[in-house]
PDB file of N, CA and C in Angstrom:
ATOM      1  N   MET A   1      -6.297  15.201 -17.236  1.00  0.00           N
ATOM      2  CA  MET A   1      -5.981  13.903 -17.782  1.00  0.00           C
ATOM      3  C   MET A   1      -6.292  13.919 -19.270  1.00  0.00           C
ATOM      4  N   SER A   2      -5.485  13.212 -20.018  1.00  0.00           N
ATOM      5  CA  SER A   2      -5.673  13.145 -21.459  1.00  0.00           C
ATOM      6  C   SER A   2      -6.969  12.430 -21.799  1.00  0.00           C
ATOM      7  N   GLY A   3      -7.548  12.790 -22.937  1.00  0.00           N
ATOM      8  CA  GLY A   3      -8.771  12.151 -23.373  1.00  0.00           C
ATOM      9  C   GLY A   3      -8.530  10.849 -24.111  1.00  0.00           C
ATOM     10  N   HIS A   4      -7.284  10.437 -24.249  1.00  0.00           N
ATOM     11  CA  HIS A   4      -6.961   9.198 -24.949  1.00  0.00           C
ATOM     12  C   HIS A   4      -7.524   8.017 -24.171  1.00  0.00           C
ATOM     13  N   PRO A   5      -8.177   7.070 -24.854  1.00  0.00           N
ATOM     14  CA  PRO A   5      -8.831   5.957 -24.147  1.00  0.00           C
ATOM     15  C   PRO A   5      -7.877   5.032 -23.393  1.00  0.00           C
ATOM     16  N   ASP A   6      -6.588   5.021 -23.753  1.00  0.00           N
ATOM     17  CA  ASP A   6      -5.623   4.155 -23.061  1.00  0.00           C
ATOM     18  C   ASP A   6      -4.987   4.807 -21.838  1.00  0.00           C
ATOM     19  N   THR A   7      -5.283   6.080 -21.585  1.00  0.00           N
ATOM     20  CA  THR A   7      -4.683   6.785 -20.462  1.00  0.00           C
ATOM     21  C   THR A   7      -5.304   6.304 -19.150  1.00  0.00           C
ATOM     22  N   LYS A   8      -4.418   5.981 -18.210  1.00  0.00           N
ATOM     23  CA  LYS A   8      -4.842   5.496 -16.893  1.00  0.00           C
ATOM     24  C   LYS A   8      -4.211   6.371 -15.811  1.00  0.00           C
ATOM     25  N   SER A   9      -4.763   6.313 -14.624  1.00  0.00           N
ATOM     26  CA  SER A   9      -4.218   7.025 -13.469  1.00  0.00           C
ATOM     27  C   SER A   9      -3.337   6.080 -12.671  1.00  0.00           C
ATOM     28  N   PHE A  10      -2.199   6.605 -12.203  1.00  0.00           N
ATOM     29  CA  PHE A  10      -1.276   5.823 -11.386  1.00  0.00           C
ATOM     30  C   PHE A  10      -0.825   6.643 -10.191  1.00  0.00           C
ATOM     31  N   LEU A  11      -0.604   5.963  -9.077  1.00  0.00           N
ATOM     32  CA  LEU A  11       0.074   6.544  -7.914  1.00  0.00           C
ATOM     33  C   LEU A  11       1.489   6.005  -7.931  1.00  0.00           C
ATOM     34  N   ILE A  12       2.480   6.836  -7.625  1.00  0.00           N
ATOM     35  CA  ILE A  12       3.864   6.372  -7.546  1.00  0.00           C
ATOM     36  C   ILE A  12       4.558   7.051  -6.376  1.00  0.00           C
ATOM     37  N   TRP A  13       5.298   6.259  -5.592  1.00  0.00           N
ATOM     38  CA  TRP A  13       6.034   6.794  -4.456  1.00  0.00           C
ATOM     39  C   TRP A  13       7.262   5.938  -4.207  1.00  0.00           C
ATOM     40  N   CYS A  14       8.229   6.518  -3.471  1.00  0.00           N
ATOM     41  CA  CYS A  14       9.509   5.856  -3.233  1.00  0.00           C
ATOM     42  C   CYS A  14       9.743   5.692  -1.731  1.00  0.00           C
ATOM     43  N   PRO A  15       9.501   4.498  -1.204  1.00  0.00           N
ATOM     44  CA  PRO A  15       9.729   4.255   0.230  1.00  0.00           C
ATOM     45  C   PRO A  15      11.170   4.530   0.670  1.00  0.00           C
ATOM     46  N   GLU A  16      12.144   4.307  -0.222  1.00  0.00           N
ATOM     47  CA  GLU A  16      13.555   4.548   0.119  1.00  0.00           C
ATOM     48  C   GLU A  16      13.815   6.015   0.440  1.00  0.00           C
ATOM     49  N   LYS A  17      12.972   6.892  -0.064  1.00  0.00           N
ATOM     50  CA  LYS A  17      13.107   8.327   0.196  1.00  0.00           C
ATOM     51  C   LYS A  17      12.194   8.751   1.344  1.00  0.00           C
ATOM     52  N   GLY A  18      11.669   7.770   2.067  1.00  0.00           N
ATOM     53  CA  GLY A  18      10.795   8.053   3.199  1.00  0.00           C
ATOM     54  C   GLY A  18       9.356   8.348   2.816  1.00  0.00           C
ATOM     55  N   GLU A  19       9.002   8.116   1.554  1.00  0.00           N
ATOM     56  CA  GLU A  19       7.649   8.405   1.093  1.00  0.00           C
ATOM     57  C   GLU A  19       6.706   7.245   1.399  1.00  0.00           C
ATOM     58  N   THR A  20       5.463   7.585   1.640  1.00  0.00           N
ATOM     59  CA  THR A  20       4.411   6.593   1.815  1.00  0.00           C
ATOM     60  C   THR A  20       3.392   6.804   0.694  1.00  0.00           C
ATOM     61  N   GLU A  21       2.419   5.945   0.634  1.00  0.00           N
ATOM     62  CA  GLU A  21       1.379   6.099  -0.384  1.00  0.00           C
ATOM     63  C   GLU A  21       0.693   7.460  -0.263  1.00  0.00           C
ATOM     64  N   GLY A  22       0.624   7.994   0.936  1.00  0.00           N
ATOM     65  CA  GLY A  22       0.036   9.315   1.139  1.00  0.00           C
ATOM     66  C   GLY A  22       0.835  10.437   0.485  1.00  0.00           C
ATOM     67  N   ASP A  23       2.112  10.178   0.194  1.00  0.00           N
ATOM     68  CA  ASP A  23       2.982  11.160  -0.461  1.00  0.00           C
ATOM     69  C   ASP A  23       3.020  10.968  -1.977  1.00  0.00           C
ATOM     70  N   ALA A  24       2.313   9.978  -2.475  1.00  0.00           N
ATOM     71  CA  ALA A  24       2.426   9.582  -3.882  1.00  0.00           C
ATOM     72  C   ALA A  24       2.076  10.698  -4.853  1.00  0.00           C
ATOM     73  N   MET A  25       2.789  10.685  -5.984  1.00  0.00           N
ATOM     74  CA  MET A  25       2.452  11.551  -7.113  1.00  0.00           C
ATOM     75  C   MET A  25       1.375  10.834  -7.913  1.00  0.00           C
ATOM     76  N   VAL A  26       0.481  11.580  -8.512  1.00  0.00           N
ATOM     77  CA  VAL A  26      -0.501  11.013  -9.429  1.00  0.00           C
ATOM     78  C   VAL A  26      -0.022  11.347 -10.836  1.00  0.00           C
ATOM     79  N   LEU A  27       0.207  10.304 -11.629  1.00  0.00           N
ATOM     80  CA  LEU A  27       0.643  10.487 -13.011  1.00  0.00           C
ATOM     81  C   LEU A  27      -0.316   9.750 -13.931  1.00  0.00           C
ATOM     82  N   PHE A  28      -0.342  10.172 -15.172  1.00  0.00           N
ATOM     83  CA  PHE A  28      -1.247   9.589 -16.158  1.00  0.00           C
ATOM     84  C   PHE A  28      -0.448   9.044 -17.329  1.00  0.00           C
ATOM     85  N   SER A  29      -0.729   7.811 -17.703  1.00  0.00           N
ATOM     86  CA  SER A  29      -0.031   7.171 -18.802  1.00  0.00           C
ATOM     87  C   SER A  29      -0.822   5.952 -19.242  1.00  0.00           C
ATOM     88  N   SER A  30      -0.301   5.267 -20.254  1.00  0.00           N
ATOM     89  CA  SER A  30      -0.969   4.053 -20.725  1.00  0.00           C
ATOM     90  C   SER A  30      -0.482   2.809 -19.994  1.00  0.00           C
ATOM     91  N   ASP A  31       0.714   2.872 -19.367  1.00  0.00           N
ATOM     92  CA  ASP A  31       1.204   1.691 -18.650  1.00  0.00           C
ATOM     93  C   ASP A  31       2.151   2.102 -17.516  1.00  0.00           C
ATOM     94  N   PRO A  32       2.341   1.216 -16.541  1.00  0.00           N
ATOM     95  CA  PRO A  32       3.141   1.565 -15.364  1.00  0.00           C
ATOM     96  C   PRO A  32       4.620   1.793 -15.671  1.00  0.00           C
ATOM     97  N   GLU A  33       5.176   1.092 -16.640  1.00  0.00           N
ATOM     98  CA  GLU A  33       6.588   1.283 -16.973  1.00  0.00           C
ATOM     99  C   GLU A  33       6.851   2.727 -17.406  1.00  0.00           C
ATOM    100  N   MET A  34       5.954   3.262 -18.221  1.00  0.00           N
ATOM    101  CA  MET A  34       6.104   4.647 -18.661  1.00  0.00           C
ATOM    102  C   MET A  34       5.982   5.617 -17.485  1.00  0.00           C
ATOM    103  N   VAL A  35       5.125   5.295 -16.537  1.00  0.00           N
ATOM    104  CA  VAL A  35       4.966   6.129 -15.341  1.00  0.00           C
ATOM    105  C   VAL A  35       6.260   6.135 -14.531  1.00  0.00           C
ATOM    106  N   VAL A  36       6.862   4.974 -14.357  1.00  0.00           N
ATOM    107  CA  VAL A  36       8.112   4.886 -13.597  1.00  0.00           C
ATOM    108  C   VAL A  36       9.212   5.683 -14.304  1.00  0.00           C
ATOM    109  N   GLU A  37       9.302   5.573 -15.610  1.00  0.00           N
ATOM    110  CA  GLU A  37      10.310   6.313 -16.364  1.00  0.00           C
ATOM    111  C   GLU A  37      10.077   7.823 -16.277  1.00  0.00           C
ATOM    112  N   GLU A  38       8.827   8.247 -16.343  1.00  0.00           N
ATOM    113  CA  GLU A  38       8.505   9.673 -16.205  1.00  0.00           C
ATOM    114  C   GLU A  38       8.874  10.162 -14.805  1.00  0.00           C
ATOM    115  N   TRP A  39       8.545   9.363 -13.783  1.00  0.00           N
ATOM    116  CA  TRP A  39       8.896   9.712 -12.402  1.00  0.00           C
ATOM    117  C   TRP A  39      10.413   9.839 -12.269  1.00  0.00           C
ATOM    118  N   ALA A  40      11.154   8.884 -12.839  1.00  0.00           N
ATOM    119  CA  ALA A  40      12.615   8.892 -12.732  1.00  0.00           C
ATOM    120  C   ALA A  40      13.205  10.150 -13.374  1.00  0.00           C
ATOM    121  N   GLU A  41      12.700  10.502 -14.549  1.00  0.00           N
ATOM    122  CA  GLU A  41      13.210  11.697 -15.227  1.00  0.00           C
ATOM    123  C   GLU A  41      12.928  12.945 -14.392  1.00  0.00           C
ATOM    124  N   TYR A  42      11.731  13.062 -13.878  1.00  0.00           N
ATOM    125  CA  TYR A  42      11.371  14.208 -13.045  1.00  0.00           C
ATOM    126  C   TYR A  42      12.229  14.259 -11.784  1.00  0.00           C
ATOM    127  N   THR A  43      12.337  13.122 -11.101  1.00  0.00           N
ATOM    128  CA  THR A  43      13.070  13.051  -9.838  1.00  0.00           C
ATOM    129  C   THR A  43      14.558  13.301 -10.042  1.00  0.00           C
ATOM    130  N   ASP A  44      15.124  12.726 -11.100  1.00  0.00           N
ATOM    131  CA  ASP A  44      16.563  12.836 -11.338  1.00  0.00           C
ATOM    132  C   ASP A  44      16.969  14.255 -11.717  1.00  0.00           C
ATOM    133  N   THR A  45      16.112  14.977 -12.402  1.00  0.00           N
ATOM    134  CA  THR A  45      16.456  16.341 -12.815  1.00  0.00           C
ATOM    135  C   THR A  45      16.084  17.384 -11.765  1.00  0.00           C
ATOM    136  N   GLU A  46      15.273  16.995 -10.799  1.00  0.00           N
ATOM    137  CA  GLU A  46      14.806  17.934  -9.780  1.00  0.00           C
ATOM    138  C   GLU A  46      15.964  18.581  -9.025  1.00  0.00           C
ATOM    139  N   GLY A  47      16.953  17.797  -8.637  1.00  0.00           N
ATOM    140  CA  GLY A  47      18.088  18.333  -7.893  1.00  0.00           C
ATOM    141  C   GLY A  47      19.289  18.622  -8.770  1.00  0.00           C
ATOM    142  N   ALA A  48      19.184  18.360 -10.061  1.00  0.00           N
ATOM    143  CA  ALA A  48      20.254  18.580 -11.041  1.00  0.00           C
ATOM    144  C   ALA A  48      21.510  17.765 -10.747  1.00  0.00           C
ATOM    145  N   GLU A  49      21.391  16.729  -9.925  1.00  0.00           N
ATOM    146  CA  GLU A  49      22.550  15.876  -9.635  1.00  0.00           C
ATOM    147  C   GLU A  49      22.552  14.616 -10.499  1.00  0.00           C
ATOM    148  N   TYR A  50      21.431  14.271 -11.061  1.00  0.00           N
ATOM    149  CA  TYR A  50      21.312  13.115 -11.960  1.00  0.00           C
ATOM    150  C   TYR A  50      21.902  11.842 -11.356  1.00  0.00           C
ATOM    151  N   THR A  51      21.519  11.540 -10.133  1.00  0.00           N
ATOM    152  CA  THR A  51      22.087  10.376  -9.450  1.00  0.00           C
ATOM    153  C   THR A  51      21.636   9.050 -10.057  1.00  0.00           C
ATOM    154  N   ILE A  52      20.457   9.014 -10.660  1.00  0.00           N
ATOM    155  CA  ILE A  52      19.993   7.775 -11.290  1.00  0.00           C
ATOM    156  C   ILE A  52      20.777   7.545 -12.579  1.00  0.00           C
ATOM    157  N   VAL A  53      20.875   8.560 -13.423  1.00  0.00           N
ATOM    158  CA  VAL A  53      21.621   8.446 -14.679  1.00  0.00           C
ATOM    159  C   VAL A  53      23.095   8.161 -14.409  1.00  0.00           C
ATOM    160  N   ALA A  54      23.640   8.737 -13.357  1.00  0.00           N
ATOM    161  CA  ALA A  54      25.053   8.534 -13.025  1.00  0.00           C
ATOM    162  C   ALA A  54      25.318   7.158 -12.422  1.00  0.00           C
ATOM    163  N   GLY A  55      24.271   6.410 -12.129  1.00  0.00           N
ATOM    164  CA  GLY A  55      24.448   5.084 -11.541  1.00  0.00           C
ATOM    165  C   GLY A  55      24.737   5.109 -10.057  1.00  0.00           C
ATOM    166  N   LYS A  56      24.545   6.252  -9.413  1.00  0.00           N
ATOM    167  CA  LYS A  56      24.801   6.369  -7.978  1.00  0.00           C
ATOM    168  C   LYS A  56      23.663   5.796  -7.147  1.00  0.00           C
ATOM    169  N   GLU A  57      22.477   5.687  -7.749  1.00  0.00           N
ATOM    170  CA  GLU A  57      21.343   5.082  -7.052  1.00  0.00           C
ATOM    171  C   GLU A  57      20.415   4.419  -8.061  1.00  0.00           C
ATOM    172  N   SER A  58      19.747   3.390  -7.608  1.00  0.00           N
ATOM    173  CA  SER A  58      18.707   2.696  -8.374  1.00  0.00           C
ATOM    174  C   SER A  58      17.519   2.519  -7.449  1.00  0.00           C
ATOM    175  N   PRO A  59      16.722   3.574  -7.297  1.00  0.00           N
ATOM    176  CA  PRO A  59      15.627   3.517  -6.333  1.00  0.00           C
ATOM    177  C   PRO A  59      14.564   2.482  -6.697  1.00  0.00           C
ATOM    178  N   VAL A  60      13.908   1.993  -5.677  1.00  0.00           N
ATOM    179  CA  VAL A  60      12.780   1.085  -5.847  1.00  0.00           C
ATOM    180  C   VAL A  60      11.526   1.881  -5.531  1.00  0.00           C
ATOM    181  N   VAL A  61      10.560   1.847  -6.439  1.00  0.00           N
ATOM    182  CA  VAL A  61       9.329   2.608  -6.267  1.00  0.00           C
ATOM    183  C   VAL A  61       8.119   1.684  -6.259  1.00  0.00           C
ATOM    184  N   MET A  62       7.055   2.186  -5.700  1.00  0.00           N
ATOM    185  CA  MET A  62       5.780   1.476  -5.658  1.00  0.00           C
ATOM    186  C   MET A  62       4.824   2.177  -6.614  1.00  0.00           C
ATOM    187  N   VAL A  63       4.052   1.383  -7.363  1.00  0.00           N
ATOM    188  CA  VAL A  63       3.105   1.936  -8.332  1.00  0.00           C
ATOM    189  C   VAL A  63       1.750   1.256  -8.155  1.00  0.00           C
ATOM    190  N   ARG A  64       0.703   2.068  -8.122  1.00  0.00           N
ATOM    191  CA  ARG A  64      -0.670   1.537  -8.088  1.00  0.00           C
ATOM    192  C   ARG A  64      -1.453   2.125  -9.246  1.00  0.00           C
ATOM    193  N   GLU A  65      -2.159   1.264  -9.952  1.00  0.00           N
ATOM    194  CA  GLU A  65      -2.992   1.684 -11.081  1.00  0.00           C
ATOM    195  C   GLU A  65      -4.442   1.753 -10.638  1.00  0.00           C
ATOM    196  N   ARG A  66      -5.121   2.759 -11.120  1.00  0.00           N
ATOM    197  CA  ARG A  66      -6.553   2.887 -10.820  1.00  0.00           C
ATOM    198  C   ARG A  66      -7.354   2.051 -11.813  1.00  0.00           C
ATOM    199  N   ASP A  67      -8.206   1.195 -11.280  1.00  0.00           N
ATOM    200  CA  ASP A  67      -9.105   0.395 -12.110  1.00  0.00           C
ATOM    201  C   ASP A  67     -10.281   1.285 -12.483  1.00  0.00           C
ATOM    202  N   ARG A  68     -10.318   1.711 -13.740  1.00  0.00           N
ATOM    203  CA  ARG A  68     -11.374   2.641 -14.163  1.00  0.00           C
ATOM    204  C   ARG A  68     -12.757   2.014 -14.080  1.00  0.00           C
ATOM    205  N   GLY A  69     -12.840   0.730 -14.345  1.00  0.00           N
ATOM    206  CA  GLY A  69     -14.142   0.065 -14.320  1.00  0.00           C
ATOM    207  C   GLY A  69     -14.758   0.016 -12.932  1.00  0.00           C
ATOM    208  N   LYS A  70     -13.913  -0.252 -11.927  1.00  0.00           N
ATOM    209  CA  LYS A  70     -14.403  -0.379 -10.556  1.00  0.00           C
ATOM    210  C   LYS A  70     -14.169   0.875  -9.731  1.00  0.00           C
ATOM    211  N   GLY A  71     -13.316   1.773 -10.225  1.00  0.00           N
ATOM    212  CA  GLY A  71     -13.035   3.003  -9.491  1.00  0.00           C
ATOM    213  C   GLY A  71     -12.201   2.804  -8.243  1.00  0.00           C
ATOM    214  N   VAL A  72     -11.432   1.721  -8.184  1.00  0.00           N
ATOM    215  CA  VAL A  72     -10.576   1.447  -7.032  1.00  0.00           C
ATOM    216  C   VAL A  72      -9.130   1.322  -7.501  1.00  0.00           C
ATOM    217  N   TRP A  73      -8.214   1.438  -6.547  1.00  0.00           N
ATOM    218  CA  TRP A  73      -6.791   1.295  -6.856  1.00  0.00           C
ATOM    219  C   TRP A  73      -6.403  -0.173  -6.769  1.00  0.00           C
ATOM    220  N   LYS A  74      -5.689  -0.665  -7.770  1.00  0.00           N
ATOM    221  CA  LYS A  74      -5.203  -2.045  -7.778  1.00  0.00           C
ATOM    222  C   LYS A  74      -4.041  -2.192  -6.806  1.00  0.00           C
ATOM    223  N   GLN A  75      -3.639  -3.433  -6.562  1.00  0.00           N
ATOM    224  CA  GLN A  75      -2.524  -3.713  -5.667  1.00  0.00           C
ATOM    225  C   GLN A  75      -1.246  -3.078  -6.217  1.00  0.00           C
ATOM    226  N   ALA A  76      -0.416  -2.565  -5.331  1.00  0.00           N
ATOM    227  CA  ALA A  76       0.834  -1.911  -5.731  1.00  0.00           C
ATOM    228  C   ALA A  76       1.811  -2.921  -6.325  1.00  0.00           C
ATOM    229  N   THR A  77       2.546  -2.470  -7.324  1.00  0.00           N
ATOM    230  CA  THR A  77       3.630  -3.262  -7.906  1.00  0.00           C
ATOM    231  C   THR A  77       4.945  -2.557  -7.585  1.00  0.00           C
ATOM    232  N   ILE A  78       6.026  -3.313  -7.608  1.00  0.00           N
ATOM    233  CA  ILE A  78       7.343  -2.797  -7.229  1.00  0.00           C
ATOM    234  C   ILE A  78       8.214  -2.705  -8.477  1.00  0.00           C
ATOM    235  N   TRP A  79       8.902  -1.561  -8.633  1.00  0.00           N
ATOM    236  CA  TRP A  79       9.747  -1.311  -9.796  1.00  0.00           C
ATOM    237  C   TRP A  79      11.108  -0.794  -9.348  1.00  0.00           C
ATOM    238  N   LYS A  80      12.178  -1.317  -9.949  1.00  0.00           N
ATOM    239  CA  LYS A  80      13.527  -0.805  -9.708  1.00  0.00           C
ATOM    240  C   LYS A  80      13.883   0.123 -10.864  1.00  0.00           C
ATOM    241  N   VAL A  81      14.405   1.294 -10.529  1.00  0.00           N
ATOM    242  CA  VAL A  81      14.690   2.319 -11.526  1.00  0.00           C
ATOM    243  C   VAL A  81      16.192   2.406 -11.783  1.00  0.00           C
ATOM    244  N   SER A  82      16.559   2.478 -13.043  1.00  0.00           N
ATOM    245  CA  SER A  82      17.953   2.730 -13.409  1.00  0.00           C
ATOM    246  C   SER A  82      17.955   3.656 -14.616  1.00  0.00           C
ATOM    247  N   GLY A  83      19.109   4.165 -14.948  1.00  0.00           N
ATOM    248  CA  GLY A  83      19.203   5.083 -16.080  1.00  0.00           C
ATOM    249  C   GLY A  83      20.581   5.011 -16.697  1.00  0.00           C
ATOM    250  N   ARG A  84      20.727   5.696 -17.799  1.00  0.00           N
ATOM    251  CA  ARG A  84      22.027   5.776 -18.451  1.00  0.00           C
ATOM    252  C   ARG A  84      22.116   7.099 -19.184  1.00  0.00           C
ATOM    253  N   SER A  85      23.313   7.571 -19.290  1.00  0.00           N
ATOM    254  CA  SER A  85      23.556   8.825 -19.987  1.00  0.00           C
ATOM    255  C   SER A  85      23.916   8.510 -21.432  1.00  0.00           C
ATOM    256  N   ILE A  86      23.268   9.199 -22.342  1.00  0.00           N
ATOM    257  CA  ILE A  86      23.540   8.987 -23.758  1.00  0.00           C
ATOM    258  C   ILE A  86      24.056  10.294 -24.337  1.00  0.00           C
ATOM    259  N   PRO A  87      25.351  10.336 -24.708  1.00  0.00           N
ATOM    260  CA  PRO A  87      25.880  11.571 -25.298  1.00  0.00           C
ATOM    261  C   PRO A  87      25.191  11.868 -26.627  1.00  0.00           C
ATOM    262  N   GLU A  88      24.978  13.136 -26.869  1.00  0.00           N
ATOM    263  CA  GLU A  88      24.393  13.560 -28.132  1.00  0.00           C
ATOM    264  C   GLU A  88      25.216  14.714 -28.660  1.00  0.00           C
ATOM    265  N   TYR A  89      25.606  14.626 -29.903  1.00  0.00           N
ATOM    266  CA  TYR A  89      26.451  15.641 -30.514  1.00  0.00           C
ATOM    267  C   TYR A  89      25.787  16.163 -31.779  1.00  0.00           C
ATOM    268  N   THR A  90      26.110  17.391 -32.127  1.00  0.00           N
ATOM    269  CA  THR A  90      25.616  17.964 -33.370  1.00  0.00           C
ATOM    270  C   THR A  90      26.799  18.603 -34.105  1.00  0.00           C
ATOM    271  N   ALA A  91      26.649  18.765 -35.389  1.00  0.00           N
ATOM    272  CA  ALA A  91      27.686  19.412 -36.195  1.00  0.00           C
ATOM    273  C   ALA A  91      27.021  20.361 -37.171  1.00  0.00           C
ATOM    274  N   GLN A  92      27.698  21.440 -37.434  1.00  0.00           N
ATOM    275  CA  GLN A  92      27.200  22.418 -38.395  1.00  0.00           C
ATOM    276  C   GLN A  92      28.386  22.948 -39.184  1.00  0.00           C
ATOM    277  N   GLU A  93      28.259  22.903 -40.473  1.00  0.00           N
ATOM    278  CA  GLU A  93      29.341  23.392 -41.338  1.00  0.00           C
ATOM    279  C   GLU A  93      29.533  24.894 -41.128  1.00  0.00           C
ATOM    280  N   VAL A  94      30.776  25.289 -41.035  1.00  0.00           N
ATOM    281  CA  VAL A  94      31.125  26.700 -40.932  1.00  0.00           C
ATOM    282  C   VAL A  94      31.662  27.134 -42.280  1.00  0.00           C
ATOM    283  N   LYS A  95      30.991  28.039 -42.896  1.00  0.00           N
ATOM    284  CA  LYS A  95      31.392  28.502 -44.228  1.00  0.00           C
ATOM    285  C   LYS A  95      32.252  29.758 -44.081  1.00  0.00           C
ATOM    286  N   GLY A  96      33.319  29.785 -44.863  1.00  0.00           N
ATOM    287  CA  GLY A  96      34.237  30.945 -44.820  1.00  0.00           C
ATOM    288  C   GLY A  96      33.613  32.145 -45.506  1.00  0.00           C
ATOM    289  N   ASP A  97      34.135  33.310 -45.154  1.00  0.00           N
ATOM    290  CA  ASP A  97      33.649  34.563 -45.749  1.00  0.00           C
ATOM    291  C   ASP A  97      34.148  34.752 -47.141  1.00  0.00           C
TER     292      ASP A  97
END
């Protein structure tokens, strides 16, 4: 885990994929939105089908944050995930001989 004071521990899982809290990934970030986005990027590229970016699915995930002060997990929150593809192009001048 990062030594940054704003870094928190989160559990994230997707019931739509048959996952339970016992299957949850542990991710570290400063807020739950960033955790959901990191999960989406990892999940979407895992199978190389990019179903979230393609708009073929918008999974709903559960997220729990660890309360560092009390050492317990807070109540789960629900997040809907979506994505979009952003084309990126580059150009380089070709100089003649």
